[in-house]
PDB file of N, CA and C in Angstrom:
ATOM      1  N   UNK A   1     -13.117  -8.850 -11.046  1.00  0.00           N
ATOM      2  CA  UNK A   1     -12.404  -7.590 -10.571  1.00  0.00           C
ATOM      3  C   UNK A   1     -13.217  -6.530 -10.609  1.00  0.00           C
ATOM      4  N   UNK A   2     -13.815  -6.276 -11.927  1.00  0.00           N
ATOM      5  CA  UNK A   2     -14.761  -4.975 -12.043  1.00  0.00           C
ATOM      6  C   UNK A   2     -15.898  -5.004 -10.770  1.00  0.00           C
ATOM      7  N   UNK A   3     -16.133  -5.978 -10.340  1.00  0.00           N
ATOM      8  CA  UNK A   3     -17.142  -6.121  -9.632  1.00  0.00           C
ATOM      9  C   UNK A   3     -16.591  -5.423  -8.190  1.00  0.00           C
ATOM     10  N   UNK A   4     -15.441  -5.797  -8.008  1.00  0.00           N
ATOM     11  CA  UNK A   4     -14.596  -5.616  -6.859  1.00  0.00           C
ATOM     12  C   UNK A   4     -14.305  -3.690  -6.862  1.00  0.00           C
ATOM     13  N   UNK A   5     -13.878  -3.352  -8.135  1.00  0.00           N
ATOM     14  CA  UNK A   5     -13.705  -1.958  -8.246  1.00  0.00           C
ATOM     15  C   UNK A   5     -15.005  -1.144  -7.848  1.00  0.00           C
ATOM     16  N   UNK A   6     -16.033  -2.017  -8.699  1.00  0.00           N
ATOM     17  CA  UNK A   6     -17.644  -1.234  -8.278  1.00  0.00           C
ATOM     18  C   UNK A   6     -18.034  -1.096  -7.068  1.00  0.00           C
ATOM     19  N   UNK A   7     -17.604  -2.063  -5.999  1.00  0.00           N
ATOM     20  CA  UNK A   7     -18.092  -1.894  -4.833  1.00  0.00           C
ATOM     21  C   UNK A   7     -17.094  -1.607  -3.690  1.00  0.00           C
ATOM     22  N   UNK A   8     -15.757  -1.336  -4.241  1.00  0.00           N
ATOM     23  CA  UNK A   8     -14.986  -1.214  -3.267  1.00  0.00           C
ATOM     24  C   UNK A   8     -15.142   0.080  -2.116  1.00  0.00           C
ATOM     25  N   UNK A   9     -15.797   1.049  -2.688  1.00  0.00           N
ATOM     26  CA  UNK A   9     -16.011   2.382  -1.717  1.00  0.00           C
ATOM     27  C   UNK A   9     -17.078   2.119  -1.138  1.00  0.00           C
ATOM     28  N   UNK A  10     -18.219   1.502  -1.650  1.00  0.00           N
ATOM     29  CA  UNK A  10     -19.393   1.554  -0.889  1.00  0.00           C
ATOM     30  C   UNK A  10     -19.749   0.631  -0.233  1.00  0.00           C
ATOM     31  N   UNK A  11     -19.460  -0.995  -0.657  1.00  0.00           N
ATOM     32  CA  UNK A  11     -19.621  -2.066   0.081  1.00  0.00           C
ATOM     33  C   UNK A  11     -18.192  -2.707   0.173  1.00  0.00           C
ATOM     34  N   UNK A  12     -17.339  -2.279   1.171  1.00  0.00           N
ATOM     35  CA  UNK A  12     -15.820  -3.048   1.059  1.00  0.00           C
ATOM     36  C   UNK A  12     -16.008  -4.504   1.284  1.00  0.00           C
ATOM     37  N   UNK A  13     -16.948  -5.146   2.185  1.00  0.00           N
ATOM     38  CA  UNK A  13     -16.874  -6.201   2.303  1.00  0.00           C
ATOM     39  C   UNK A  13     -17.068  -7.584   1.324  1.00  0.00           C
ATOM     40  N   UNK A  14     -18.031  -6.715   0.563  1.00  0.00           N
ATOM     41  CA  UNK A  14     -18.299  -6.937  -0.844  1.00  0.00           C
ATOM     42  C   UNK A  14     -17.261  -7.501  -1.845  1.00  0.00           C
ATOM     43  N   UNK A  15     -16.595  -6.288  -1.946  1.00  0.00           N
ATOM     44  CA  UNK A  15     -15.403  -5.892  -2.691  1.00  0.00           C
ATOM     45  C   UNK A  15     -14.487  -7.141  -2.345  1.00  0.00           C
ATOM     46  N   UNK A  16     -14.236  -6.887  -0.944  1.00  0.00           N
ATOM     47  CA  UNK A  16     -13.358  -8.122  -0.684  1.00  0.00           C
ATOM     48  C   UNK A  16     -13.804  -9.511  -0.989  1.00  0.00           C
ATOM     49  N   UNK A  17     -14.839  -9.678  -1.068  1.00  0.00           N
ATOM     50  CA  UNK A  17     -15.011 -10.970  -1.592  1.00  0.00           C
ATOM     51  C   UNK A  17     -14.970 -11.219  -2.945  1.00  0.00           C
ATOM     52  N   UNK A  18     -15.213 -10.235  -3.881  1.00  0.00           N
ATOM     53  CA  UNK A  18     -14.831 -10.653  -5.269  1.00  0.00           C
ATOM     54  C   UNK A  18     -13.377 -10.436  -5.409  1.00  0.00           C
ATOM     55  N   UNK A  19     -12.573  -9.631  -4.895  1.00  0.00           N
ATOM     56  CA  UNK A  19     -10.945  -9.449  -4.956  1.00  0.00           C
ATOM     57  C   UNK A  19     -10.568 -11.206  -4.389  1.00  0.00           C
ATOM     58  N   UNK A  20     -10.984 -11.635  -3.335  1.00  0.00           N
ATOM     59  CA  UNK A  20     -10.573 -12.987  -2.980  1.00  0.00           C
ATOM     60  C   UNK A  20     -10.961 -14.279  -3.780  1.00  0.00           C
ATOM     61  N   UNK A  21     -12.107 -13.717  -4.283  1.00  0.00           N
ATOM     62  CA  UNK A  21     -12.322 -14.974  -5.306  1.00  0.00           C
ATOM     63  C   UNK A  21     -11.328 -14.902  -6.587  1.00  0.00           C
ATOM     64  N   UNK A  22     -10.919 -13.575  -7.214  1.00  0.00           N
ATOM     65  CA  UNK A  22      -9.842 -13.576  -8.147  1.00  0.00           C
ATOM     66  C   UNK A  22      -8.378 -13.932  -7.611  1.00  0.00           C
ATOM     67  N   UNK A  23      -8.182 -13.562  -6.278  1.00  0.00           N
ATOM     68  CA  UNK A  23      -6.775 -14.229  -5.852  1.00  0.00           C
ATOM     69  C   UNK A  23      -6.746 -15.544  -5.824  1.00  0.00           C
ATOM     70  N   UNK A  24      -8.134 -16.316  -5.818  1.00  0.00           N
ATOM     71  CA  UNK A  24      -8.252 -17.505  -5.035  1.00  0.00           C
ATOM     72  C   UNK A  24      -7.601 -18.457  -6.775  1.00  0.00           C
ATOM     73  N   UNK A  25      -8.080 -17.618  -7.741  1.00  0.00           N
ATOM     74  CA  UNK A  25      -7.820 -18.656  -9.138  1.00  0.00           C
ATOM     75  C   UNK A  25      -6.639 -17.578  -9.719  1.00  0.00           C
ATOM     76  N   UNK A  26      -6.162 -16.696  -9.390  1.00  0.00           N
ATOM     77  CA  UNK A  26      -5.085 -15.896 -10.050  1.00  0.00           C
ATOM     78  C   UNK A  26      -4.399 -15.301  -8.773  1.00  0.00           C
ATOM     79  N   UNK A  27      -3.410 -16.026  -8.039  1.00  0.00           N
ATOM     80  CA  UNK A  27      -2.842 -15.431  -7.001  1.00  0.00           C
ATOM     81  C   UNK A  27      -1.702 -14.436  -7.179  1.00  0.00           C
ATOM     82  N   UNK A  28      -1.257 -14.328  -8.677  1.00  0.00           N
ATOM     83  CA  UNK A  28      -0.140 -13.317  -9.075  1.00  0.00           C
ATOM     84  C   UNK A  28      -0.981 -12.098  -9.567  1.00  0.00           C
ATOM     85  N   UNK A  29      -2.404 -12.123  -9.302  1.00  0.00           N
ATOM     86  CA  UNK A  29      -2.764 -10.959  -9.724  1.00  0.00           C
ATOM     87  C   UNK A  29      -2.710  -9.651  -9.112  1.00  0.00           C
ATOM     88  N   UNK A  30      -1.593  -8.487  -9.558  1.00  0.00           N
ATOM     89  CA  UNK A  30      -1.598  -7.485  -8.454  1.00  0.00           C
ATOM     90  C   UNK A  30      -2.704  -6.482  -8.503  1.00  0.00           C
ATOM     91  N   UNK A  31      -3.386  -6.347  -9.451  1.00  0.00           N
ATOM     92  CA  UNK A  31      -4.670  -5.413  -9.416  1.00  0.00           C
ATOM     93  C   UNK A  31      -5.501  -6.220  -8.273  1.00  0.00           C
ATOM     94  N   UNK A  32      -5.774  -7.068  -8.278  1.00  0.00           N
ATOM     95  CA  UNK A  32      -6.797  -7.881  -7.393  1.00  0.00           C
ATOM     96  C   UNK A  32      -6.284  -7.915  -5.708  1.00  0.00           C
ATOM     97  N   UNK A  33      -4.864  -7.889  -5.771  1.00  0.00           N
ATOM     98  CA  UNK A  33      -4.493  -8.122  -4.616  1.00  0.00           C
ATOM     99  C   UNK A  33      -4.478  -6.583  -3.774  1.00  0.00           C
ATOM    100  N   UNK A  34      -4.147  -5.928  -4.768  1.00  0.00           N
ATOM    101  CA  UNK A  34      -4.043  -4.530  -3.965  1.00  0.00           C
ATOM    102  C   UNK A  34      -5.800  -3.866  -3.887  1.00  0.00           C
ATOM    103  N   UNK A  35      -6.562  -4.329  -4.558  1.00  0.00           N
ATOM    104  CA  UNK A  35      -7.880  -4.278  -4.212  1.00  0.00           C
ATOM    105  C   UNK A  35      -8.523  -4.741  -3.152  1.00  0.00           C
ATOM    106  N   UNK A  36      -7.997  -6.084  -2.843  1.00  0.00           N
ATOM    107  CA  UNK A  36      -8.228  -6.757  -1.696  1.00  0.00           C
ATOM    108  C   UNK A  36      -7.713  -6.174  -0.420  1.00  0.00           C
ATOM    109  N   UNK A  37      -6.306  -5.464  -0.545  1.00  0.00           N
ATOM    110  CA  UNK A  37      -5.727  -4.647   0.547  1.00  0.00           C
ATOM    111  C   UNK A  37      -6.588  -3.558   0.930  1.00  0.00           C
ATOM    112  N   UNK A  38      -7.046  -2.771  -0.440  1.00  0.00           N
ATOM    113  CA  UNK A  38      -7.881  -1.680  -0.123  1.00  0.00           C
ATOM    114  C   UNK A  38      -9.161  -1.768   0.667  1.00  0.00           C
ATOM    115  N   UNK A  39      -9.510  -3.068   0.157  1.00  0.00           N
ATOM    116  CA  UNK A  39     -10.790  -2.993   0.767  1.00  0.00           C
ATOM    117  C   UNK A  39     -10.934  -3.738   2.527  1.00  0.00           C
ATOM    118  N   UNK A  40     -10.059  -4.277   2.551  1.00  0.00           N
ATOM    119  CA  UNK A  40      -9.788  -4.472   4.002  1.00  0.00           C
ATOM    120  C   UNK A  40      -9.357  -3.162   4.910  1.00  0.00           C
ATOM    121  N   UNK A  41      -8.741  -2.308   4.259  1.00  0.00           N
ATOM    122  CA  UNK A  41      -8.458  -1.168   5.126  1.00  0.00           C
ATOM    123  C   UNK A  41      -9.658  -0.474   5.464  1.00  0.00           C
ATOM    124  N   UNK A  42     -10.763  -0.241   4.142  1.00  0.00           N
ATOM    125  CA  UNK A  42     -11.824   0.206   4.261  1.00  0.00           C
ATOM    126  C   UNK A  42     -12.946  -0.564   5.467  1.00  0.00           C
ATOM    127  N   UNK A  43     -12.646  -1.559   5.657  1.00  0.00           N
ATOM    128  CA  UNK A  43     -13.325  -2.585   6.501  1.00  0.00           C
ATOM    129  C   UNK A  43     -12.793  -2.312   7.664  1.00  0.00           C
ATOM    130  N   UNK A  44     -11.774  -1.628   8.069  1.00  0.00           N
ATOM    131  CA  UNK A  44     -10.664  -1.929   9.461  1.00  0.00           C
ATOM    132  C   UNK A  44      -9.974  -2.806   9.571  1.00  0.00           C
ATOM    133  N   UNK A  45      -9.928  -3.831   8.751  1.00  0.00           N
ATOM    134  CA  UNK A  45      -8.972  -4.717   9.424  1.00  0.00           C
ATOM    135  C   UNK A  45      -7.665  -4.549   8.600  1.00  0.00           C
ATOM    136  N   UNK A  46      -6.904  -3.704   9.218  1.00  0.00           N
ATOM    137  CA  UNK A  46      -5.621  -3.065   9.004  1.00  0.00           C
ATOM    138  C   UNK A  46      -4.181  -4.245   8.889  1.00  0.00           C
ATOM    139  N   UNK A  47      -4.525  -5.224   9.808  1.00  0.00           N
ATOM    140  CA  UNK A  47      -3.623  -6.328   9.954  1.00  0.00           C
ATOM    141  C   UNK A  47      -3.721  -7.127   8.854  1.00  0.00           C
ATOM    142  N   UNK A  48      -4.846  -7.341   8.464  1.00  0.00           N
ATOM    143  CA  UNK A  48      -5.088  -8.266   7.054  1.00  0.00           C
ATOM    144  C   UNK A  48      -4.559  -7.308   5.916  1.00  0.00           C
ATOM    145  N   UNK A  49      -4.879  -6.465   5.995  1.00  0.00           N
ATOM    146  CA  UNK A  49      -4.403  -5.072   4.784  1.00  0.00           C
ATOM    147  C   UNK A  49      -2.843  -5.360   4.621  1.00  0.00           C
ATOM    148  N   UNK A  50      -2.086  -4.811   5.711  1.00  0.00           N
ATOM    149  CA  UNK A  50      -0.519  -5.083   5.718  1.00  0.00           C
ATOM    150  C   UNK A  50      -0.289  -6.311   5.257  1.00  0.00           C
ATOM    151  N   UNK A  51      -0.966  -7.404   5.631  1.00  0.00           N
ATOM    152  CA  UNK A  51      -0.472  -8.881   4.943  1.00  0.00           C
ATOM    153  C   UNK A  51      -0.611  -8.759   3.754  1.00  0.00           C
ATOM    154  N   UNK A  52      -1.507  -8.166   3.130  1.00  0.00           N
ATOM    155  CA  UNK A  52      -1.682  -8.239   1.770  1.00  0.00           C
ATOM    156  C   UNK A  52      -0.514  -7.291   1.369  1.00  0.00           C
ATOM    157  N   UNK A  53      -0.685  -6.417   1.424  1.00  0.00           N
ATOM    158  CA  UNK A  53       0.478  -5.631   0.938  1.00  0.00           C
ATOM    159  C   UNK A  53       1.685  -6.126   0.815  1.00  0.00           C
ATOM    160  N   UNK A  54       2.195  -6.657   1.719  1.00  0.00           N
ATOM    161  CA  UNK A  54       3.449  -7.765   1.880  1.00  0.00           C
ATOM    162  C   UNK A  54       3.197  -8.670   0.546  1.00  0.00           C
ATOM    163  N   UNK A  55       2.320  -9.232   0.692  1.00  0.00           N
ATOM    164  CA  UNK A  55       1.781 -10.426  -0.428  1.00  0.00           C
ATOM    165  C   UNK A  55       2.024  -9.552  -2.114  1.00  0.00           C
ATOM    166  N   UNK A  56       1.717  -8.621  -2.024  1.00  0.00           N
ATOM    167  CA  UNK A  56       1.730  -7.654  -3.228  1.00  0.00           C
ATOM    168  C   UNK A  56       3.257  -7.496  -3.419  1.00  0.00           C
ATOM    169  N   UNK A  57       4.063  -7.161  -2.255  1.00  0.00           N
ATOM    170  CA  UNK A  57       5.641  -7.112  -2.599  1.00  0.00           C
ATOM    171  C   UNK A  57       6.286  -8.129  -2.698  1.00  0.00           C
ATOM    172  N   UNK A  58       5.722  -9.440  -2.588  1.00  0.00           N
ATOM    173  CA  UNK A  58       6.392 -10.654  -2.511  1.00  0.00           C
ATOM    174  C   UNK A  58       6.402 -10.930  -4.142  1.00  0.00           C
ATOM    175  N   UNK A  59       5.383 -10.555  -4.548  1.00  0.00           N
ATOM    176  CA  UNK A  59       5.253 -10.916  -6.345  1.00  0.00           C
ATOM    177  C   UNK A  59       5.889  -9.563  -7.254  1.00  0.00           C
ATOM    178  N   UNK A  60       5.672  -8.180  -6.815  1.00  0.00           N
ATOM    179  CA  UNK A  60       6.363  -7.444  -7.540  1.00  0.00           C
ATOM    180  C   UNK A  60       7.113  -6.356  -6.392  1.00  0.00           C
ATOM    181  N   UNK A  61       8.244  -6.784  -5.859  1.00  0.00           N
ATOM    182  CA  UNK A  61       9.061  -5.744  -5.001  1.00  0.00           C
ATOM    183  C   UNK A  61       9.257  -4.665  -5.197  1.00  0.00           C
ATOM    184  N   UNK A  62       8.927  -3.872  -6.181  1.00  0.00           N
ATOM    185  CA  UNK A  62       9.300  -2.655  -6.664  1.00  0.00           C
ATOM    186  C   UNK A  62       7.926  -1.905  -6.586  1.00  0.00           C
ATOM    187  N   UNK A  63       6.809  -2.230  -6.117  1.00  0.00           N
ATOM    188  CA  UNK A  63       5.306  -1.576  -6.389  1.00  0.00           C
ATOM    189  C   UNK A  63       5.392  -0.663  -5.269  1.00  0.00           C
ATOM    190  N   UNK A  64       5.751   0.504  -5.794  1.00  0.00           N
ATOM    191  CA  UNK A  64       5.716   1.931  -5.233  1.00  0.00           C
ATOM    192  C   UNK A  64       4.277   1.925  -4.193  1.00  0.00           C
ATOM    193  N   UNK A  65       3.279   1.726  -4.745  1.00  0.00           N
ATOM    194  CA  UNK A  65       1.798   1.976  -4.309  1.00  0.00           C
ATOM    195  C   UNK A  65       1.477   1.087  -3.214  1.00  0.00           C
ATOM    196  N   UNK A  66       2.185  -0.181  -3.194  1.00  0.00           N
ATOM    197  CA  UNK A  66       2.219  -1.031  -1.676  1.00  0.00           C
ATOM    198  C   UNK A  66       3.163  -0.536  -0.705  1.00  0.00           C
ATOM    199  N   UNK A  67       4.197   0.140  -1.324  1.00  0.00           N
ATOM    200  CA  UNK A  67       5.174   0.667  -0.070  1.00  0.00           C
ATOM    201  C   UNK A  67       4.509   2.096   0.558  1.00  0.00           C
ATOM    202  N   UNK A  68       3.857   2.532  -0.401  1.00  0.00           N
ATOM    203  CA  UNK A  68       3.176   4.148   0.133  1.00  0.00           C
ATOM    204  C   UNK A  68       1.771   3.574   1.075  1.00  0.00           C
ATOM    205  N   UNK A  69       1.259   2.801   0.562  1.00  0.00           N
ATOM    206  CA  UNK A  69       0.149   1.897   1.405  1.00  0.00           C
ATOM    207  C   UNK A  69       0.599   1.762   3.030  1.00  0.00           C
ATOM    208  N   UNK A  70       1.496   0.950   2.807  1.00  0.00           N
ATOM    209  CA  UNK A  70       2.268   0.458   3.977  1.00  0.00           C
ATOM    210  C   UNK A  70       2.527   1.510   4.902  1.00  0.00           C
ATOM    211  N   UNK A  71       3.149   2.460   4.264  1.00  0.00           N
ATOM    212  CA  UNK A  71       3.611   3.805   5.115  1.00  0.00           C
ATOM    213  C   UNK A  71       2.474   4.612   5.774  1.00  0.00           C
ATOM    214  N   UNK A  72       1.230   4.937   5.034  1.00  0.00           N
ATOM    215  CA  UNK A  72       0.046   5.161   5.709  1.00  0.00           C
ATOM    216  C   UNK A  72      -0.402   4.387   6.802  1.00  0.00           C
ATOM    217  N   UNK A  73      -0.290   2.865   6.864  1.00  0.00           N
ATOM    218  CA  UNK A  73      -0.644   2.300   7.609  1.00  0.00           C
ATOM    219  C   UNK A  73      -0.005   2.262   8.828  1.00  0.00           C
ATOM    220  N   UNK A  74       1.584   2.036   8.693  1.00  0.00           N
ATOM    221  CA  UNK A  74       2.336   2.327   9.801  1.00  0.00           C
ATOM    222  C   UNK A  74       2.235   3.703  10.413  1.00  0.00           C
ATOM    223  N   UNK A  75       2.132   4.756   9.661  1.00  0.00           N
ATOM    224  CA  UNK A  75       1.950   6.133  10.273  1.00  0.00           C
ATOM    225  C   UNK A  75       0.770   6.150  11.030  1.00  0.00           C
ATOM    226  N   UNK A  76      -0.634   5.429  10.734  1.00  0.00           N
ATOM    227  CA  UNK A  76      -1.776   5.658  11.166  1.00  0.00           C
ATOM    228  C   UNK A  76      -1.586   5.031  12.709  1.00  0.00           C
ATOM    229  N   UNK A  77      -0.651   3.708  12.799  1.00  0.00           N
ATOM    230  CA  UNK A  77      -0.511   2.884  14.017  1.00  0.00           C
ATOM    231  C   UNK A  77       0.404   3.594  14.796  1.00  0.00           C
ATOM    232  N   UNK A  78       0.987   4.772  14.364  1.00  0.00           N
ATOM    233  CA  UNK A  78       2.090   5.437  15.305  1.00  0.00           C
ATOM    234  C   UNK A  78       3.354   5.061  15.106  1.00  0.00           C
ATOM    235  N   UNK A  79       3.628   4.202  14.246  1.00  0.00           N
ATOM    236  CA  UNK A  79       5.064   3.776  13.979  1.00  0.00           C
ATOM    237  C   UNK A  79       5.782   4.363  12.728  1.00  0.00           C
ATOM    238  N   UNK A  80       6.095   5.829  13.395  1.00  0.00           N
ATOM    239  CA  UNK A  80       6.993   6.410  12.621  1.00  0.00           C
ATOM    240  C   UNK A  80       8.247   5.846  11.706  1.00  0.00           C
ATOM    241  N   UNK A  81       9.007   5.104  12.396  1.00  0.00           N
ATOM    242  CA  UNK A  81      10.359   4.790  11.858  1.00  0.00           C
ATOM    243  C   UNK A  81       9.724   3.495  10.473  1.00  0.00           C
ATOM    244  N   UNK A  82       8.933   2.933  10.908  1.00  0.00           N
ATOM    245  CA  UNK A  82       8.479   1.639   9.612  1.00  0.00           C
ATOM    246  C   UNK A  82       7.900   2.572   8.678  1.00  0.00           C
ATOM    247  N   UNK A  83       6.865   3.810   8.943  1.00  0.00           N
ATOM    248  CA  UNK A  83       6.280   4.567   8.294  1.00  0.00           C
ATOM    249  C   UNK A  83       7.385   5.114   7.251  1.00  0.00           C
ATOM    250  N   UNK A  84       8.333   5.947   7.705  1.00  0.00           N
ATOM    251  CA  UNK A  84       9.294   6.454   6.877  1.00  0.00           C
ATOM    252  C   UNK A  84       9.997   5.651   6.074  1.00  0.00           C
ATOM    253  N   UNK A  85      10.498   4.154   6.476  1.00  0.00           N
ATOM    254  CA  UNK A  85      11.190   3.320   5.729  1.00  0.00           C
ATOM    255  C   UNK A  85      10.129   3.056   4.700  1.00  0.00           C
ATOM    256  N   UNK A  86       8.963   2.727   4.819  1.00  0.00           N
ATOM    257  CA  UNK A  86       7.916   2.180   3.443  1.00  0.00           C
ATOM    258  C   UNK A  86       7.987   3.443   2.571  1.00  0.00           C
ATOM    259  N   UNK A  87       7.849   4.642   3.188  1.00  0.00           N
ATOM    260  CA  UNK A  87       7.755   5.845   2.305  1.00  0.00           C
ATOM    261  C   UNK A  87       9.021   6.061   1.443  1.00  0.00           C
ATOM    262  N   UNK A  88       9.976   5.944   2.004  1.00  0.00           N
ATOM    263  CA  UNK A  88      11.377   5.814   1.511  1.00  0.00           C
ATOM    264  C   UNK A  88      11.519   4.764   0.232  1.00  0.00           C
ATOM    265  N   UNK A  89      11.085   3.428   0.399  1.00  0.00           N
ATOM    266  CA  UNK A  89      11.078   2.559  -0.558  1.00  0.00           C
ATOM    267  C   UNK A  89       9.904   2.988  -1.674  1.00  0.00           C
ATOM    268  N   UNK A  90       8.877   3.567  -1.375  1.00  0.00           N
ATOM    269  CA  UNK A  90       8.011   3.978  -2.448  1.00  0.00           C
ATOM    270  C   UNK A  90       8.666   5.034  -3.207  1.00  0.00           C
ATOM    271  N   UNK A  91       9.416   5.983  -2.894  1.00  0.00           N
ATOM    272  CA  UNK A  91      10.119   7.095  -3.523  1.00  0.00           C
ATOM    273  C   UNK A  91      11.468   6.509  -4.258  1.00  0.00           C
ATOM    274  N   UNK A  92      12.075   5.429  -3.855  1.00  0.00           N
ATOM    275  CA  UNK A  92      13.112   4.808  -4.629  1.00  0.00           C
ATOM    276  C   UNK A  92      12.590   4.328  -6.102  1.00  0.00           C
ATOM    277  N   UNK A  93      11.322   3.587  -5.761  1.00  0.00           N
ATOM    278  CA  UNK A  93      10.747   2.895  -6.929  1.00  0.00           C
ATOM    279  C   UNK A  93      10.161   3.886  -7.874  1.00  0.00           C
ATOM    280  N   UNK A  94       9.587   4.814  -7.287  1.00  0.00           N
ATOM    281  CA  UNK A  94       8.724   5.992  -8.031  1.00  0.00           C
ATOM    282  C   UNK A  94       9.195   7.129  -7.496  1.00  0.00           C
ATOM    283  N   UNK A  95      10.201   7.756  -7.974  1.00  0.00           N
ATOM    284  CA  UNK A  95      10.765   9.057  -7.753  1.00  0.00           C
ATOM    285  C   UNK A  95       9.961  10.370  -7.613  1.00  0.00           C
ATOM    286  N   UNK A  96       8.890  10.620  -8.651  1.00  0.00           N
ATOM    287  CA  UNK A  96       8.087  11.346  -8.528  1.00  0.00           C
ATOM    288  C   UNK A  96       6.778  11.140  -7.786  1.00  0.00           C
ATOM    289  N   UNK A  97       6.923  10.355  -6.914  1.00  0.00           N
ATOM    290  CA  UNK A  97       5.673  10.132  -5.799  1.00  0.00           C
ATOM    291  C   UNK A  97       5.660  11.195  -4.981  1.00  0.00           C
ATOM    292  N   UNK A  98       5.410  12.422  -5.372  1.00  0.00           N
ATOM    293  CA  UNK A  98       5.479  13.515  -4.521  1.00  0.00           C
ATOM    294  C   UNK A  98       4.507  13.697  -3.272  1.00  0.00           C
ATOM    295  N   UNK A  99       3.641  12.969  -3.116  1.00  0.00           N
ATOM    296  CA  UNK A  99       2.896  12.777  -1.981  1.00  0.00           C
ATOM    297  C   UNK A  99       3.373  11.827  -1.178  1.00  0.00           C
ATOM    298  N   UNK A 100       4.366  10.859  -1.582  1.00  0.00           N
ATOM    299  CA  UNK A 100       5.283   9.970  -0.559  1.00  0.00           C
ATOM    300  C   UNK A 100       5.909  10.936   0.038  1.00  0.00           C
ATOM    301  N   UNK A 101       6.638  11.800  -0.572  1.00  0.00           N
ATOM    302  CA  UNK A 101       7.879  12.515   0.032  1.00  0.00           C
ATOM    303  C   UNK A 101       7.106  13.514   1.052  1.00  0.00           C
ATOM    304  N   UNK A 102       5.770  14.004   0.550  1.00  0.00           N
ATOM    305  CA  UNK A 102       5.076  14.795   1.898  1.00  0.00           C
ATOM    306  C   UNK A 102       4.855  14.129   2.987  1.00  0.00           C
ATOM    307  N   UNK A 103       4.355  12.850   2.789  1.00  0.00           N
ATOM    308  CA  UNK A 103       3.972  11.566   3.773  1.00  0.00           C
ATOM    309  C   UNK A 103       5.119  11.425   4.882  1.00  0.00           C
ATOM    310  N   UNK A 104       6.589  11.228   3.904  1.00  0.00           N
ATOM    311  CA  UNK A 104       7.257  11.001   4.731  1.00  0.00           C
ATOM    312  C   UNK A 104       7.985  12.019   5.873  1.00  0.00           C
ATOM    313  N   UNK A 105       7.938  13.505   5.009  1.00  0.00           N
ATOM    314  CA  UNK A 105       8.019  14.300   5.999  1.00  0.00           C
ATOM    315  C   UNK A 105       7.318  14.654   7.156  1.00  0.00           C
ATOM    316  N   UNK A 106       5.792  14.400   6.601  1.00  0.00           N
ATOM    317  CA  UNK A 106       5.248  14.644   7.945  1.00  0.00           C
ATOM    318  C   UNK A 106       5.137  13.367   8.782  1.00  0.00           C
ATOM    319  N   UNK A 107       5.982  12.383   8.570  1.00  0.00           N
ATOM    320  CA  UNK A 107       6.400  11.376   9.379  1.00  0.00           C
ATOM    321  C   UNK A 107       7.674  11.587  10.089  1.00  0.00           C
ATOM    322  N   UNK A 108       8.098  12.982  10.398  1.00  0.00           N
ATOM    323  CA  UNK A 108       9.449  13.050  11.019  1.00  0.00           C
ATOM    324  C   UNK A 108      10.435  13.468  10.472  1.00  0.00           C
ATOM    325  N   UNK A 109      10.292  13.631   9.219  1.00  0.00           N
ATOM    326  CA  UNK A 109      11.293  13.955   8.055  1.00  0.00           C
ATOM    327  C   UNK A 109      11.390  15.404   7.836  1.00  0.00           C
ATOM    328  N   UNK A 110      12.270  16.300   8.027  1.00  0.00           N
ATOM    329  CA  UNK A 110      12.411  17.491   7.561  1.00  0.00           C
ATOM    330  C   UNK A 110      12.966  17.910   6.307  1.00  0.00           C
ATOM    331  N   UNK A 111      13.746  16.800   5.667  1.00  0.00           N
ATOM    332  CA  UNK A 111      14.901  17.215   4.620  1.00  0.00           C
ATOM    333  C   UNK A 111      13.855  17.187   3.239  1.00  0.00           C
ATOM    334  N   UNK A 112      14.354  17.756   2.541  1.00  0.00           N
ATOM    335  CA  UNK A 112      13.649  17.882   1.020  1.00  0.00           C
ATOM    336  C   UNK A 112      13.677  16.378   0.467  1.00  0.00           C
ATOM    337  N   UNK A 113      14.239  15.458   0.622  1.00  0.00           N
ATOM    338  CA  UNK A 113      13.933  14.058   0.125  1.00  0.00           C
ATOM    339  C   UNK A 113      14.455  13.236   1.137  1.00  0.00           C
ATOM    340  N   UNK A 114      14.040  11.734   1.298  1.00  0.00           N
ATOM    341  CA  UNK A 114      13.902  10.833   2.517  1.00  0.00           C
ATOM    342  C   UNK A 114      15.725  10.704   2.340  1.00  0.00           C
ATOM    343  N   UNK A 115      15.902  10.163   3.739  1.00  0.00           N
ATOM    344  CA  UNK A 115      17.304   9.639   3.969  1.00  0.00           C
ATOM    345  C   UNK A 115      17.684   8.914   2.954  1.00  0.00           C
ATOM    346  N   UNK A 116      18.924   8.716   2.629  1.00  0.00           N
ATOM    347  CA  UNK A 116      19.602   7.731   1.895  1.00  0.00           C
ATOM    348  C   UNK A 116      18.874   7.916   0.517  1.00  0.00           C
ATOM    349  N   UNK A 117      18.159   8.624   0.045  1.00  0.00           N
ATOM    350  CA  UNK A 117      17.427   8.668  -1.222  1.00  0.00           C
ATOM    351  C   UNK A 117      18.195   8.901  -2.296  1.00  0.00           C
ATOM    352  N   UNK A 118      18.518   8.625  -3.171  1.00  0.00           N
ATOM    353  CA  UNK A 118      19.196   8.472  -4.524  1.00  0.00           C
ATOM    354  C   UNK A 118      18.532   8.186  -5.665  1.00  0.00           C
ATOM    355  N   UNK A 119      18.434   9.156  -6.198  1.00  0.00           N
ATOM    356  CA  UNK A 119      17.731   9.207  -7.620  1.00  0.00           C
ATOM    357  C   UNK A 119      18.502   8.341  -8.742  1.00  0.00           C
ATOM    358  N   UNK A 120      19.631   7.794  -8.819  1.00  0.00           N
ATOM    359  CA  UNK A 120      20.173   7.432  -9.687  1.00  0.00           C
ATOM    360  C   UNK A 120      19.670   6.192 -10.335  1.00  0.00           C
TER     361      UNK A 120
END
């Protein structure tokens, strides 16, 4: 895992290899799965990154970081409705995620909080 973190920014393909090894032996390791998704984004394989973020959500359906990252990926693809929906979920599970709110607003929302957001 540490080798993946060390190489993630400078050598994403190498980081992907390290994270893949961890996931192969510990498929429930959220840190490795999130790192693997980030490495895939850096490598330009956005579809594989999206699949990996959904694998994170299958393990931890309340993972705000995965929702925020998916929102970013969908926004970059021009899929504003999907981006908004994922940003809203990120905020639902981590209300203090101000950057996700800003991204949701940037994805076409002008309200102070995402539609349907209830901090209860």
